[in-house]
Amino acid sequence: MASNFLIIGMIILTQTVVGILGNFSLLCSYIVLHFMGYRLRSTDLILKHLIVANSLVLLCKGVPHTMAVFGWKQIRSDVGCKLLFFLHRVGRGVSISSICLLSIFQVITISPWNSRWAALKVTAPKYVVLSIFLCWILQMLLNVIFPLHMTGKRSDKNITEERDFGYCSSIVTDKTDNVFYAALLLFPDILCLGLTLWAGSSMVLILYRHKQQVQHIRRTDASSGSSPESRATKSILLLGSTFVYFYILSSIFQVLLALFDQPSRFLVDMSIITAACFPTVSPFLLMSHNSSVHRLYLAWIRNAKSSTIMRKV
């Protein structure tokens, strides 16, 4: 059993460290691009908030649970436990909402001018900031009740029935209340997931139609690389399918946790690992397919070459 806990702890620790470094590197790339005078797209602002939300998920769940697995330190205070769970839930919700917003704004951006979205192509970027702000406020309001039933591992309160979450515990409440609150939390998640799937399929359809329309102008050249439309389609499908896959996998373990009053340690650990998968992987997917980040890397390469030439001169 000790070896199993060690393996689980190492997996969560690796996820947390790699994910935080990836999100921090991507955020620094956007900050450097901003100070270098590059004009970022409106969707890049959504990606910045996605990075912050992913970091909250990793920091507020991965770090304390890793410490609990290795026995380094327990969270004694109820306030610390409530705050960590609240920030984790808000970060998770904003991450889901950001993917949804990114998909919707992107499908508006690439839609043709003769489509029903033409009127929104000009006005949509003006509402990016407001949309992101509403996402944060909505997730805070939805999850404000969640920490009320959380307690520290060594709380002085006399509680007979607790649900162990590794580094914190939850008071077991009435089943009817649990079902009602679970439905309240799942509704915006399912709505965002549905909108993300719709927007992703719409983008693929738009790009496919565009490719079909220009086929009589552009002839396939075997020596050339894939077209921009093809690269965009692959990027959208990769990020969207990764999000949907990990979200469904994480939701399965969240439902299993809710069904048991005393979930096993393995179930708790697996729910944390699956919840951290997308925040860990997404920054590397974005860095490999984001044109803005590629511009930064090209600028660094040009500066490095210029510095080398100046030294030789």
C-alpha atoms as a PDB file:
ATOM      1  CA  MET A   1       0.000   0.000   0.000  1.00  0.00           C
ATOM      2  CA  ALA A   2       2.851   2.385   0.820  1.00  0.00           C
ATOM      3  CA  SER A   3       4.344   1.850  -2.623  1.00  0.00           C
ATOM      4  CA  ASN A   4       0.953   2.572  -4.232  1.00  0.00           C
ATOM      5  CA  PHE A   5       0.635   5.830  -2.311  1.00  0.00           C
ATOM      6  CA  LEU A   6       4.186   6.731  -3.371  1.00  0.00           C
ATOM      7  CA  ILE A   7       3.354   6.123  -7.040  1.00  0.00           C
ATOM      8  CA  ILE A   8       0.135   8.144  -6.788  1.00  0.00           C
ATOM      9  CA  GLY A   9       2.003  10.944  -5.027  1.00  0.00           C
ATOM     10  CA  MET A  10       4.703  11.030  -7.697  1.00  0.00           C
ATOM     11  CA  ILE A  11       2.086  11.149 -10.476  1.00  0.00           C
ATOM     12  CA  ILE A  12       0.232  14.058  -8.852  1.00  0.00           C
ATOM     13  CA  LEU A  13       3.504  15.852  -8.071  1.00  0.00           C
ATOM     14  CA  THR A  14       4.694  15.453 -11.675  1.00  0.00           C
ATOM     15  CA  GLN A  15       1.364  16.693 -13.027  1.00  0.00           C
ATOM     16  CA  THR A  16       1.432  19.712 -10.736  1.00  0.00           C
ATOM     17  CA  VAL A  17       5.030  20.721 -11.466  1.00  0.00           C
ATOM     18  CA  VAL A  18       4.826  20.173 -15.233  1.00  0.00           C
ATOM     19  CA  GLY A  19       1.425  21.862 -15.474  1.00  0.00           C
ATOM     20  CA  ILE A  20       2.423  24.921 -13.447  1.00  0.00           C
ATOM     21  CA  LEU A  21       5.647  25.328 -15.429  1.00  0.00           C
ATOM     22  CA  GLY A  22       3.776  24.984 -18.721  1.00  0.00           C
ATOM     23  CA  ASN A  23       1.078  27.491 -17.787  1.00  0.00           C
ATOM     24  CA  PHE A  24       3.634  29.917 -16.346  1.00  0.00           C
ATOM     25  CA  SER A  25       5.774  29.704 -19.496  1.00  0.00           C
ATOM     26  CA  LEU A  26       2.777  30.344 -21.737  1.00  0.00           C
ATOM     27  CA  LEU A  27       1.641  33.289 -19.626  1.00  0.00           C
ATOM     28  CA  CYS A  28       5.155  34.765 -19.713  1.00  0.00           C
ATOM     29  CA  SER A  29       5.150  34.382 -23.499  1.00  0.00           C
ATOM     30  CA  TYR A  30       2.000  36.490 -23.779  1.00  0.00           C
ATOM     31  CA  ILE A  31       3.407  39.116 -21.404  1.00  0.00           C
ATOM     32  CA  VAL A  32       6.646  39.350 -23.428  1.00  0.00           C
ATOM     33  CA  LEU A  33       4.669  39.616 -26.678  1.00  0.00           C
ATOM     34  CA  HIS A  34       2.641  42.449 -25.183  1.00  0.00           C
ATOM     35  CA  PHE A  35       5.742  44.438 -24.181  1.00  0.00           C
ATOM     36  CA  MET A  36       7.370  43.736 -27.548  1.00  0.00           C
ATOM     37  CA  GLY A  37       4.473  45.535 -29.227  1.00  0.00           C
ATOM     38  CA  TYR A  38       2.826  42.559 -30.897  1.00  0.00           C
ATOM     39  CA  ARG A  39      -0.884  42.965 -31.411  1.00  0.00           C
ATOM     40  CA  LEU A  40      -2.649  40.034 -29.788  1.00  0.00           C
ATOM     41  CA  ARG A  41      -6.028  38.735 -30.888  1.00  0.00           C
ATOM     42  CA  SER A  42      -9.129  39.041 -28.743  1.00  0.00           C
ATOM     43  CA  THR A  43      -9.088  35.288 -28.192  1.00  0.00           C
ATOM     44  CA  ASP A  44      -5.614  35.570 -26.653  1.00  0.00           C
ATOM     45  CA  LEU A  45      -7.187  37.375 -23.682  1.00  0.00           C
ATOM     46  CA  ILE A  46      -9.454  34.365 -23.147  1.00  0.00           C
ATOM     47  CA  LEU A  47      -6.395  32.115 -23.281  1.00  0.00           C
ATOM     48  CA  LYS A  48      -4.709  34.199 -20.564  1.00  0.00           C
ATOM     49  CA  HIS A  49      -7.649  33.642 -18.234  1.00  0.00           C
ATOM     50  CA  LEU A  50      -7.644  29.956 -19.157  1.00  0.00           C
ATOM     51  CA  ILE A  51      -4.018  29.819 -18.047  1.00  0.00           C
ATOM     52  CA  VAL A  52      -4.870  31.495 -14.707  1.00  0.00           C
ATOM     53  CA  ALA A  53      -7.807  29.118 -14.172  1.00  0.00           C
ATOM     54  CA  ASN A  54      -5.648  26.074 -14.973  1.00  0.00           C
ATOM     55  CA  SER A  55      -3.025  27.279 -12.509  1.00  0.00           C
ATOM     56  CA  LEU A  56      -5.669  27.603  -9.780  1.00  0.00           C
ATOM     57  CA  VAL A  57      -6.816  24.039 -10.403  1.00  0.00           C
ATOM     58  CA  LEU A  58      -3.272  22.693 -10.148  1.00  0.00           C
ATOM     59  CA  LEU A  59      -2.165  24.791  -7.176  1.00  0.00           C
ATOM     60  CA  CYS A  60      -5.297  24.393  -5.044  1.00  0.00           C
ATOM     61  CA  LYS A  61      -5.700  20.647  -5.528  1.00  0.00           C
ATOM     62  CA  GLY A  62      -2.404  19.189  -6.685  1.00  0.00           C
ATOM     63  CA  VAL A  63      -0.085  20.850  -4.161  1.00  0.00           C
ATOM     64  CA  PRO A  64      -2.040  20.149  -0.939  1.00  0.00           C
ATOM     65  CA  HIS A  65      -2.943  16.614  -1.994  1.00  0.00           C
ATOM     66  CA  THR A  66       0.695  15.837  -2.820  1.00  0.00           C
ATOM     67  CA  MET A  67       1.671  17.089   0.627  1.00  0.00           C
ATOM     68  CA  ALA A  68      -1.030  14.906   2.203  1.00  0.00           C
ATOM     69  CA  VAL A  69       0.044  11.797   0.272  1.00  0.00           C
ATOM     70  CA  PHE A  70       3.668  12.167   1.343  1.00  0.00           C
ATOM     71  CA  GLY A  71       2.661  13.142   4.883  1.00  0.00           C
ATOM     72  CA  TRP A  72       4.491  16.452   4.769  1.00  0.00           C
ATOM     73  CA  LYS A  73       1.759  18.616   6.261  1.00  0.00           C
ATOM     74  CA  GLN A  74      -1.955  18.496   6.978  1.00  0.00           C
ATOM     75  CA  ILE A  75      -4.320  21.443   6.564  1.00  0.00           C
ATOM     76  CA  ARG A  76      -5.520  21.996  10.112  1.00  0.00           C
ATOM     77  CA  SER A  77      -7.725  25.056   9.723  1.00  0.00           C
ATOM     78  CA  ASP A  78     -11.227  24.984   8.299  1.00  0.00           C
ATOM     79  CA  VAL A  79     -10.655  28.348   6.617  1.00  0.00           C
ATOM     80  CA  GLY A  80      -7.662  27.103   4.616  1.00  0.00           C
ATOM     81  CA  CYS A  81      -9.520  23.994   3.524  1.00  0.00           C
ATOM     82  CA  LYS A  82     -12.648  25.941   2.511  1.00  0.00           C
ATOM     83  CA  LEU A  83     -10.555  28.498   0.591  1.00  0.00           C
ATOM     84  CA  LEU A  84      -8.613  25.844  -1.344  1.00  0.00           C
ATOM     85  CA  PHE A  85     -11.748  23.966  -2.364  1.00  0.00           C
ATOM     86  CA  PHE A  86     -13.498  27.198  -3.351  1.00  0.00           C
ATOM     87  CA  LEU A  87     -10.590  28.396  -5.513  1.00  0.00           C
ATOM     88  CA  HIS A  88     -10.263  24.957  -7.104  1.00  0.00           C
ATOM     89  CA  ARG A  89     -13.951  24.839  -8.007  1.00  0.00           C
ATOM     90  CA  VAL A  90     -13.858  28.396  -9.388  1.00  0.00           C
ATOM     91  CA  GLY A  91     -10.714  27.647 -11.402  1.00  0.00           C
ATOM     92  CA  ARG A  92     -12.263  24.478 -12.826  1.00  0.00           C
ATOM     93  CA  GLY A  93     -15.455  26.315 -13.784  1.00  0.00           C
ATOM     94  CA  VAL A  94     -13.609  29.223 -15.396  1.00  0.00           C
ATOM     95  CA  SER A  95     -11.430  26.760 -17.325  1.00  0.00           C
ATOM     96  CA  ILE A  96     -14.530  25.087 -18.785  1.00  0.00           C
ATOM     97  CA  SER A  97     -16.161  28.465 -19.498  1.00  0.00           C
ATOM     98  CA  SER A  98     -12.993  29.780 -21.162  1.00  0.00           C
ATOM     99  CA  ILE A  99     -12.858  26.835 -23.566  1.00  0.00           C
ATOM    100  CA  CYS A 100     -16.513  27.459 -24.388  1.00  0.00           C
ATOM    101  CA  LEU A 101     -15.945  31.201 -24.960  1.00  0.00           C
ATOM    102  CA  LEU A 102     -12.838  30.529 -27.029  1.00  0.00           C
ATOM    103  CA  SER A 103     -14.748  28.139 -29.293  1.00  0.00           C
ATOM    104  CA  ILE A 104     -17.716  30.498 -29.734  1.00  0.00           C
ATOM    105  CA  PHE A 105     -15.599  33.576 -30.484  1.00  0.00           C
ATOM    106  CA  GLN A 106     -13.457  31.559 -32.870  1.00  0.00           C
ATOM    107  CA  VAL A 107     -16.432  30.265 -34.853  1.00  0.00           C
ATOM    108  CA  ILE A 108     -17.691  33.862 -35.140  1.00  0.00           C
ATOM    109  CA  THR A 109     -14.254  35.033 -36.286  1.00  0.00           C
ATOM    110  CA  ILE A 110     -13.823  32.494 -39.092  1.00  0.00           C
ATOM    111  CA  SER A 111     -17.442  32.549 -40.269  1.00  0.00           C
ATOM    112  CA  PRO A 112     -17.934  34.043 -43.785  1.00  0.00           C
ATOM    113  CA  TRP A 113     -19.319  37.562 -44.172  1.00  0.00           C
ATOM    114  CA  ASN A 114     -22.485  36.291 -45.830  1.00  0.00           C
ATOM    115  CA  SER A 115     -23.408  34.058 -42.879  1.00  0.00           C
ATOM    116  CA  ARG A 116     -25.816  34.822 -40.042  1.00  0.00           C
ATOM    117  CA  TRP A 117     -22.813  35.556 -37.801  1.00  0.00           C
ATOM    118  CA  ALA A 118     -21.598  38.403 -40.024  1.00  0.00           C
ATOM    119  CA  ALA A 119     -23.091  41.100 -37.778  1.00  0.00           C
ATOM    120  CA  LEU A 120     -21.236  39.681 -34.766  1.00  0.00           C
ATOM    121  CA  LYS A 121     -17.821  39.590 -36.438  1.00  0.00           C
ATOM    122  CA  VAL A 122     -17.264  43.284 -35.669  1.00  0.00           C
ATOM    123  CA  THR A 123     -19.080  43.563 -32.332  1.00  0.00           C
ATOM    124  CA  ALA A 124     -18.038  40.250 -30.716  1.00  0.00           C
ATOM    125  CA  PRO A 125     -14.445  41.303 -29.800  1.00  0.00           C
ATOM    126  CA  LYS A 126     -15.882  44.222 -27.802  1.00  0.00           C
ATOM    127  CA  TYR A 127     -17.612  41.813 -25.429  1.00  0.00           C
ATOM    128  CA  VAL A 128     -14.645  39.557 -24.690  1.00  0.00           C
ATOM    129  CA  VAL A 129     -13.714  41.332 -21.443  1.00  0.00           C
ATOM    130  CA  LEU A 130     -17.320  41.445 -20.253  1.00  0.00           C
ATOM    131  CA  SER A 131     -17.810  37.749 -21.050  1.00  0.00           C
ATOM    132  CA  ILE A 132     -14.707  36.745 -19.110  1.00  0.00           C
ATOM    133  CA  PHE A 133     -15.733  38.921 -16.152  1.00  0.00           C
ATOM    134  CA  LEU A 134     -19.187  37.306 -16.077  1.00  0.00           C
ATOM    135  CA  CYS A 135     -17.595  33.839 -16.154  1.00  0.00           C
ATOM    136  CA  TRP A 136     -15.588  34.575 -13.005  1.00  0.00           C
ATOM    137  CA  ILE A 137     -18.565  36.129 -11.198  1.00  0.00           C
ATOM    138  CA  LEU A 138     -20.917  33.295 -12.163  1.00  0.00           C
ATOM    139  CA  GLN A 139     -18.500  30.597 -11.011  1.00  0.00           C
ATOM    140  CA  MET A 140     -17.924  32.380  -7.700  1.00  0.00           C
ATOM    141  CA  LEU A 141     -21.663  32.608  -7.073  1.00  0.00           C
ATOM    142  CA  LEU A 142     -22.283  28.984  -8.041  1.00  0.00           C
ATOM    143  CA  ASN A 143     -19.495  27.603  -5.873  1.00  0.00           C
ATOM    144  CA  VAL A 144     -19.897  29.830  -2.819  1.00  0.00           C
ATOM    145  CA  ILE A 145     -21.970  27.140  -1.041  1.00  0.00           C
ATOM    146  CA  PHE A 146     -19.491  24.366  -1.818  1.00  0.00           C
ATOM    147  CA  PRO A 147     -16.910  25.184   0.931  1.00  0.00           C
ATOM    148  CA  LEU A 148     -19.560  25.439   3.690  1.00  0.00           C
ATOM    149  CA  HIS A 149     -19.471  21.673   4.291  1.00  0.00           C
ATOM    150  CA  MET A 150     -15.671  21.353   4.116  1.00  0.00           C
ATOM    151  CA  THR A 151     -13.543  20.962   7.244  1.00  0.00           C
ATOM    152  CA  GLY A 152      -9.866  20.562   8.009  1.00  0.00           C
ATOM    153  CA  LYS A 153      -8.393  17.149   8.742  1.00  0.00           C
ATOM    154  CA  ARG A 154      -7.872  17.980  12.415  1.00  0.00           C
ATOM    155  CA  SER A 155     -10.857  20.129  13.087  1.00  0.00           C
ATOM    156  CA  ASP A 156     -11.967  20.496  16.712  1.00  0.00           C
ATOM    157  CA  LYS A 157     -15.607  20.135  15.695  1.00  0.00           C
ATOM    158  CA  ASN A 158     -17.417  17.014  16.813  1.00  0.00           C
ATOM    159  CA  ILE A 159     -18.501  15.523  13.474  1.00  0.00           C
ATOM    160  CA  THR A 160     -19.636  11.923  13.339  1.00  0.00           C
ATOM    161  CA  GLU A 161     -19.943  11.476   9.584  1.00  0.00           C
ATOM    162  CA  GLU A 162     -17.234  12.801   7.287  1.00  0.00           C
ATOM    163  CA  ARG A 163     -16.183  12.122   3.719  1.00  0.00           C
ATOM    164  CA  ASP A 164     -12.396  11.989   3.449  1.00  0.00           C
ATOM    165  CA  PHE A 165     -10.806  13.863   0.506  1.00  0.00           C
ATOM    166  CA  GLY A 166      -7.177  13.286   1.469  1.00  0.00           C
ATOM    167  CA  TYR A 167      -6.153  16.659   2.856  1.00  0.00           C
ATOM    168  CA  CYS A 168      -9.652  17.871   3.787  1.00  0.00           C
ATOM    169  CA  SER A 169     -12.955  16.343   4.780  1.00  0.00           C
ATOM    170  CA  SER A 170     -16.571  16.985   3.882  1.00  0.00           C
ATOM    171  CA  ILE A 171     -19.584  16.732   6.168  1.00  0.00           C
ATOM    172  CA  VAL A 172     -22.033  14.110   4.918  1.00  0.00           C
ATOM    173  CA  THR A 173     -25.363  15.832   4.257  1.00  0.00           C
ATOM    174  CA  ASP A 174     -28.808  14.753   3.126  1.00  0.00           C
ATOM    175  CA  LYS A 175     -28.923  12.865  -0.206  1.00  0.00           C
ATOM    176  CA  THR A 176     -31.673  15.119  -1.562  1.00  0.00           C
ATOM    177  CA  ASP A 177     -29.585  18.228  -0.952  1.00  0.00           C
ATOM    178  CA  ASN A 178     -26.584  16.571  -2.599  1.00  0.00           C
ATOM    179  CA  VAL A 179     -28.570  15.715  -5.739  1.00  0.00           C
ATOM    180  CA  PHE A 180     -30.027  19.221  -5.983  1.00  0.00           C
ATOM    181  CA  TYR A 181     -26.687  20.940  -5.552  1.00  0.00           C
ATOM    182  CA  ALA A 182     -24.945  18.523  -7.939  1.00  0.00           C
ATOM    183  CA  ALA A 183     -27.569  19.313 -10.594  1.00  0.00           C
ATOM    184  CA  LEU A 184     -27.044  23.039  -9.975  1.00  0.00           C
ATOM    185  CA  LEU A 185     -23.296  22.679 -10.518  1.00  0.00           C
ATOM    186  CA  LEU A 186     -23.552  20.338 -13.495  1.00  0.00           C
ATOM    187  CA  PHE A 187     -25.976  22.470 -15.499  1.00  0.00           C
ATOM    188  CA  PRO A 188     -23.479  25.217 -16.522  1.00  0.00           C
ATOM    189  CA  ASP A 189     -20.798  22.582 -17.152  1.00  0.00           C
ATOM    190  CA  ILE A 190     -23.061  20.562 -19.443  1.00  0.00           C
ATOM    191  CA  LEU A 191     -24.197  23.757 -21.178  1.00  0.00           C
ATOM    192  CA  CYS A 192     -20.585  24.817 -21.814  1.00  0.00           C
ATOM    193  CA  LEU A 193     -19.700  21.329 -22.999  1.00  0.00           C
ATOM    194  CA  GLY A 194     -22.612  21.308 -25.446  1.00  0.00           C
ATOM    195  CA  LEU A 195     -21.732  24.761 -26.788  1.00  0.00           C
ATOM    196  CA  THR A 196     -18.099  23.732 -27.159  1.00  0.00           C
ATOM    197  CA  LEU A 197     -19.062  20.647 -29.174  1.00  0.00           C
ATOM    198  CA  TRP A 198     -21.405  22.710 -31.345  1.00  0.00           C
ATOM    199  CA  ALA A 199     -18.808  25.436 -31.946  1.00  0.00           C
ATOM    200  CA  GLY A 200     -16.101  22.877 -32.731  1.00  0.00           C
ATOM    201  CA  SER A 201     -18.249  21.057 -35.269  1.00  0.00           C
ATOM    202  CA  SER A 202     -19.313  24.397 -36.784  1.00  0.00           C
ATOM    203  CA  MET A 203     -15.687  25.484 -37.210  1.00  0.00           C
ATOM    204  CA  VAL A 204     -14.777  22.222 -38.905  1.00  0.00           C
ATOM    205  CA  LEU A 205     -17.759  22.588 -41.237  1.00  0.00           C
ATOM    206  CA  ILE A 206     -16.900  26.215 -42.082  1.00  0.00           C
ATOM    207  CA  LEU A 207     -13.274  25.366 -42.831  1.00  0.00           C
ATOM    208  CA  TYR A 208     -14.311  22.369 -44.919  1.00  0.00           C
ATOM    209  CA  ARG A 209     -16.723  24.467 -46.989  1.00  0.00           C
ATOM    210  CA  HIS A 210     -14.075  27.139 -47.463  1.00  0.00           C
ATOM    211  CA  LYS A 211     -11.605  24.522 -48.655  1.00  0.00           C
ATOM    212  CA  GLN A 212     -14.147  23.167 -51.116  1.00  0.00           C
ATOM    213  CA  GLN A 213     -14.856  26.669 -52.481  1.00  0.00           C
ATOM    214  CA  VAL A 214     -11.209  27.476 -53.208  1.00  0.00           C
ATOM    215  CA  GLN A 215     -10.275  24.102 -54.685  1.00  0.00           C
ATOM    216  CA  HIS A 216     -10.813  25.360 -58.227  1.00  0.00           C
ATOM    217  CA  ILE A 217      -8.328  28.204 -57.540  1.00  0.00           C
ATOM    218  CA  ARG A 218      -5.738  26.503 -55.404  1.00  0.00           C
ATOM    219  CA  ARG A 219      -4.219  23.315 -56.824  1.00  0.00           C
ATOM    220  CA  THR A 220      -2.704  20.773 -54.478  1.00  0.00           C
ATOM    221  CA  ASP A 221       1.073  20.929 -54.480  1.00  0.00           C
ATOM    222  CA  ALA A 222       2.731  17.765 -53.251  1.00  0.00           C
ATOM    223  CA  SER A 223       5.852  19.659 -52.200  1.00  0.00           C
ATOM    224  CA  SER A 224       4.006  22.198 -50.083  1.00  0.00           C
ATOM    225  CA  GLY A 225       2.857  21.732 -46.538  1.00  0.00           C
ATOM    226  CA  SER A 226      -0.691  21.521 -45.340  1.00  0.00           C
ATOM    227  CA  SER A 227      -2.928  24.514 -45.964  1.00  0.00           C
ATOM    228  CA  PRO A 228      -3.710  27.037 -43.182  1.00  0.00           C
ATOM    229  CA  GLU A 229      -7.287  25.748 -43.130  1.00  0.00           C
ATOM    230  CA  SER A 230      -6.080  22.211 -42.539  1.00  0.00           C
ATOM    231  CA  ARG A 231      -3.713  23.284 -39.754  1.00  0.00           C
ATOM    232  CA  ALA A 232      -6.477  25.296 -38.060  1.00  0.00           C
ATOM    233  CA  THR A 233      -8.869  22.357 -38.276  1.00  0.00           C
ATOM    234  CA  LYS A 234      -6.330  19.990 -36.721  1.00  0.00           C
ATOM    235  CA  SER A 235      -5.576  22.476 -33.931  1.00  0.00           C
ATOM    236  CA  ILE A 236      -9.265  22.964 -33.119  1.00  0.00           C
ATOM    237  CA  LEU A 237      -9.986  19.244 -33.165  1.00  0.00           C
ATOM    238  CA  LEU A 238      -6.957  18.471 -30.999  1.00  0.00           C
ATOM    239  CA  LEU A 239      -7.697  21.037 -28.286  1.00  0.00           C
ATOM    240  CA  GLY A 240     -11.446  20.441 -28.327  1.00  0.00           C
ATOM    241  CA  SER A 241     -11.253  16.654 -28.299  1.00  0.00           C
ATOM    242  CA  THR A 242      -8.650  16.738 -25.512  1.00  0.00           C
ATOM    243  CA  PHE A 243     -10.868  18.970 -23.400  1.00  0.00           C
ATOM    244  CA  VAL A 244     -14.002  16.872 -23.974  1.00  0.00           C
ATOM    245  CA  TYR A 245     -12.197  13.585 -23.286  1.00  0.00           C
ATOM    246  CA  PHE A 246     -10.588  14.679 -20.011  1.00  0.00           C
ATOM    247  CA  TYR A 247     -13.717  16.504 -18.859  1.00  0.00           C
ATOM    248  CA  ILE A 248     -15.918  13.419 -19.335  1.00  0.00           C
ATOM    249  CA  LEU A 249     -13.303  11.234 -17.629  1.00  0.00           C
ATOM    250  CA  SER A 250     -13.071  13.647 -14.700  1.00  0.00           C
ATOM    251  CA  SER A 251     -16.862  13.914 -14.430  1.00  0.00           C
ATOM    252  CA  ILE A 252     -17.179  10.125 -14.140  1.00  0.00           C
ATOM    253  CA  PHE A 253     -14.929  10.106 -11.072  1.00  0.00           C
ATOM    254  CA  GLN A 254     -16.700  13.164  -9.619  1.00  0.00           C
ATOM    255  CA  VAL A 255     -20.040  11.346  -9.891  1.00  0.00           C
ATOM    256  CA  LEU A 256     -18.562   8.248  -8.247  1.00  0.00           C
ATOM    257  CA  LEU A 257     -17.251  10.403  -5.398  1.00  0.00           C
ATOM    258  CA  ALA A 258     -20.710  11.875  -4.881  1.00  0.00           C
ATOM    259  CA  LEU A 259     -22.340   8.423  -4.745  1.00  0.00           C
ATOM    260  CA  PHE A 260     -20.234   7.102  -1.857  1.00  0.00           C
ATOM    261  CA  ASP A 261     -20.352   8.527   1.659  1.00  0.00           C
ATOM    262  CA  GLN A 262     -16.908   7.023   2.319  1.00  0.00           C
ATOM    263  CA  PRO A 263     -15.032   6.922  -1.023  1.00  0.00           C
ATOM    264  CA  SER A 264     -11.864   4.884  -1.201  1.00  0.00           C
ATOM    265  CA  ARG A 265      -8.469   6.547  -1.226  1.00  0.00           C
ATOM    266  CA  PHE A 266      -7.870   5.247  -4.751  1.00  0.00           C
ATOM    267  CA  LEU A 267     -11.076   6.900  -5.999  1.00  0.00           C
ATOM    268  CA  VAL A 268     -10.107  10.227  -4.415  1.00  0.00           C
ATOM    269  CA  ASP A 269      -6.625  10.054  -5.926  1.00  0.00           C
ATOM    270  CA  MET A 270      -7.928   9.160  -9.404  1.00  0.00           C
ATOM    271  CA  SER A 271     -10.430  12.036  -9.323  1.00  0.00           C
ATOM    272  CA  ILE A 272      -7.582  14.456  -8.617  1.00  0.00           C
ATOM    273  CA  ILE A 273      -5.346  12.968 -11.325  1.00  0.00           C
ATOM    274  CA  THR A 274      -8.065  13.109 -13.999  1.00  0.00           C
ATOM    275  CA  ALA A 275      -9.084  16.646 -12.979  1.00  0.00           C
ATOM    276  CA  ALA A 276      -5.478  17.822 -13.430  1.00  0.00           C
ATOM    277  CA  CYS A 277      -4.941  16.199 -16.845  1.00  0.00           C
ATOM    278  CA  PHE A 278      -6.368  18.991 -19.018  1.00  0.00           C
ATOM    279  CA  PRO A 279      -4.758  21.889 -17.060  1.00  0.00           C
ATOM    280  CA  THR A 280      -1.443  20.040 -17.391  1.00  0.00           C
ATOM    281  CA  VAL A 281      -1.658  19.196 -21.097  1.00  0.00           C
ATOM    282  CA  SER A 282      -3.440  22.283 -22.486  1.00  0.00           C
ATOM    283  CA  PRO A 283      -0.548  24.823 -22.244  1.00  0.00           C
ATOM    284  CA  PHE A 284       1.696  22.550 -24.307  1.00  0.00           C
ATOM    285  CA  LEU A 285      -1.040  22.059 -26.904  1.00  0.00           C
ATOM    286  CA  LEU A 286      -1.483  25.832 -27.099  1.00  0.00           C
ATOM    287  CA  MET A 287       2.251  26.480 -27.344  1.00  0.00           C
ATOM    288  CA  SER A 288       2.620  24.000 -30.194  1.00  0.00           C
ATOM    289  CA  HIS A 289      -0.317  25.368 -32.214  1.00  0.00           C
ATOM    290  CA  ASN A 290      -0.505  29.059 -31.257  1.00  0.00           C
ATOM    291  CA  SER A 291       0.774  31.468 -33.913  1.00  0.00           C
ATOM    292  CA  SER A 292       1.346  34.254 -31.372  1.00  0.00           C
ATOM    293  CA  VAL A 293       3.736  32.111 -29.348  1.00  0.00           C
ATOM    294  CA  HIS A 294       5.471  31.021 -32.564  1.00  0.00           C
ATOM    295  CA  ARG A 295       6.080  34.708 -33.369  1.00  0.00           C
ATOM    296  CA  LEU A 296       7.748  35.121 -29.988  1.00  0.00           C
ATOM    297  CA  TYR A 297      10.022  32.136 -30.579  1.00  0.00           C
ATOM    298  CA  LEU A 298      10.937  33.486 -34.033  1.00  0.00           C
ATOM    299  CA  ALA A 299      11.726  36.868 -32.495  1.00  0.00           C
ATOM    300  CA  TRP A 300      13.954  35.207 -29.909  1.00  0.00           C
ATOM    301  CA  ILE A 301      15.752  33.285 -32.668  1.00  0.00           C
ATOM    302  CA  ARG A 302      16.283  36.476 -34.690  1.00  0.00           C
ATOM    303  CA  ASN A 303      17.618  38.291 -31.617  1.00  0.00           C
ATOM    304  CA  ALA A 304      19.928  35.394 -30.823  1.00  0.00           C
ATOM    305  CA  LYS A 305      21.282  35.356 -34.387  1.00  0.00           C
ATOM    306  CA  SER A 306      21.765  39.136 -34.332  1.00  0.00           C
ATOM    307  CA  SER A 307      23.659  38.916 -31.055  1.00  0.00           C
ATOM    308  CA  THR A 308      25.898  36.173 -32.469  1.00  0.00           C
ATOM    309  CA  ILE A 309      26.657  38.224 -35.562  1.00  0.00           C
ATOM    310  CA  MET A 310      27.445  41.314 -33.477  1.00  0.00           C
ATOM    311  CA  ARG A 311      29.901  39.347 -31.333  1.00  0.00           C
ATOM    312  CA  LYS A 312      31.676  38.012 -34.438  1.00  0.00           C
ATOM    313  CA  VAL A 313      31.940  41.530 -35.870  1.00  0.00           C
END
